[in-house]
C-alpha atoms as a PDB file:
ATOM      1  CA  MET A   1      -6.330  38.960   1.957  1.00  0.00           C
ATOM      2  CA  LYS A   2      -8.325  35.747   2.274  1.00  0.00           C
ATOM      3  CA  LEU A   3      -8.398  35.362  -1.499  1.00  0.00           C
ATOM      4  CA  PHE A   4      -4.628  35.746  -1.700  1.00  0.00           C
ATOM      5  CA  SER A   5      -3.957  33.049   0.895  1.00  0.00           C
ATOM      6  CA  PHE A   6      -6.503  30.789  -0.827  1.00  0.00           C
ATOM      7  CA  LEU A   7      -4.692  31.209  -4.144  1.00  0.00           C
ATOM      8  CA  LEU A   8      -1.359  30.573  -2.449  1.00  0.00           C
ATOM      9  CA  ILE A   9      -2.597  27.316  -0.867  1.00  0.00           C
ATOM     10  CA  THR A  10      -4.244  26.235  -4.142  1.00  0.00           C
ATOM     11  CA  SER A  11      -1.056  26.803  -6.125  1.00  0.00           C
ATOM     12  CA  ALA A  12       0.976  24.919  -3.506  1.00  0.00           C
ATOM     13  CA  ILE A  13      -1.413  21.946  -3.704  1.00  0.00           C
ATOM     14  CA  ALA A  14      -1.312  22.078  -7.517  1.00  0.00           C
ATOM     15  CA  ALA A  15       2.502  22.046  -7.446  1.00  0.00           C
ATOM     16  CA  CYS A  16       2.533  19.034  -5.109  1.00  0.00           C
ATOM     17  CA  LEU A  17       0.058  17.192  -7.331  1.00  0.00           C
ATOM     18  CA  ALA A  18       2.117  17.949 -10.427  1.00  0.00           C
ATOM     19  CA  GLN A  19       5.274  16.607  -8.787  1.00  0.00           C
ATOM     20  CA  THR A  20       3.469  13.475  -7.575  1.00  0.00           C
ATOM     21  CA  ILE A  21       2.050  12.783 -11.054  1.00  0.00           C
ATOM     22  CA  GLU A  22       5.502  13.349 -12.571  1.00  0.00           C
ATOM     23  CA  LEU A  23       7.060  10.899 -10.104  1.00  0.00           C
ATOM     24  CA  VAL A  24       4.368   8.271 -10.728  1.00  0.00           C
ATOM     25  CA  THR A  25       4.726   8.507 -14.520  1.00  0.00           C
ATOM     26  CA  HIS A  26       8.515   8.267 -14.173  1.00  0.00           C
ATOM     27  CA  LEU A  27       8.221   5.136 -12.024  1.00  0.00           C
ATOM     28  CA  MET A  28       5.668   3.612 -14.401  1.00  0.00           C
ATOM     29  CA  ALA A  29       7.972   4.263 -17.365  1.00  0.00           C
ATOM     30  CA  GLN A  30      10.855   2.546 -15.561  1.00  0.00           C
ATOM     31  CA  PHE A  31       8.590  -0.379 -14.644  1.00  0.00           C
ATOM     32  CA  PHE A  32       7.396  -0.860 -18.229  1.00  0.00           C
ATOM     33  CA  ARG A  33      10.942  -0.532 -19.528  1.00  0.00           C
ATOM     34  CA  ARG A  34      11.989  -3.310 -17.159  1.00  0.00           C
ATOM     35  CA  ALA A  35       9.037  -5.456 -18.219  1.00  0.00           C
ATOM     36  CA  GLN A  36       9.886  -4.799 -21.911  1.00  0.00           C
ATOM     37  CA  THR A  37       7.874  -7.660 -23.451  1.00  0.00           C
ATOM     38  CA  ASN A  38       4.149  -7.186 -24.077  1.00  0.00           C
ATOM     39  CA  VAL A  39       3.434 -10.676 -22.750  1.00  0.00           C
ATOM     40  CA  SER A  40       4.635  -9.988 -19.199  1.00  0.00           C
ATOM     41  CA  ILE A  41       2.574  -6.790 -18.717  1.00  0.00           C
ATOM     42  CA  PRO A  42      -0.948  -8.363 -18.831  1.00  0.00           C
ATOM     43  CA  TRP A  43       0.277 -11.192 -16.595  1.00  0.00           C
ATOM     44  CA  LEU A  44       1.638  -8.666 -14.077  1.00  0.00           C
ATOM     45  CA  SER A  45      -1.597  -6.664 -14.042  1.00  0.00           C
ATOM     46  CA  VAL A  46      -3.614  -9.863 -13.517  1.00  0.00           C
ATOM     47  CA  SER A  47      -1.371 -10.965 -10.644  1.00  0.00           C
ATOM     48  CA  MET A  48      -1.675  -7.470  -9.111  1.00  0.00           C
ATOM     49  CA  LEU A  49      -5.469  -7.713  -9.266  1.00  0.00           C
ATOM     50  CA  GLU A  50      -5.382 -11.124  -7.613  1.00  0.00           C
ATOM     51  CA  LEU A  51      -3.299  -9.759  -4.726  1.00  0.00           C
ATOM     52  CA  HIS A  52      -5.838  -7.051  -3.865  1.00  0.00           C
END
């Protein structure tokens, strides 16, 4: 019984992780599509690093 509940929780966590990764990749794709030019992407990553 313990093993079953463990597997159930593990699969639920895996599903949540998969959805989160899917959402992140979708948002990243939209972001890069908006950026479009290759010149703006390195500048954006540099400015993001400076903010942190």
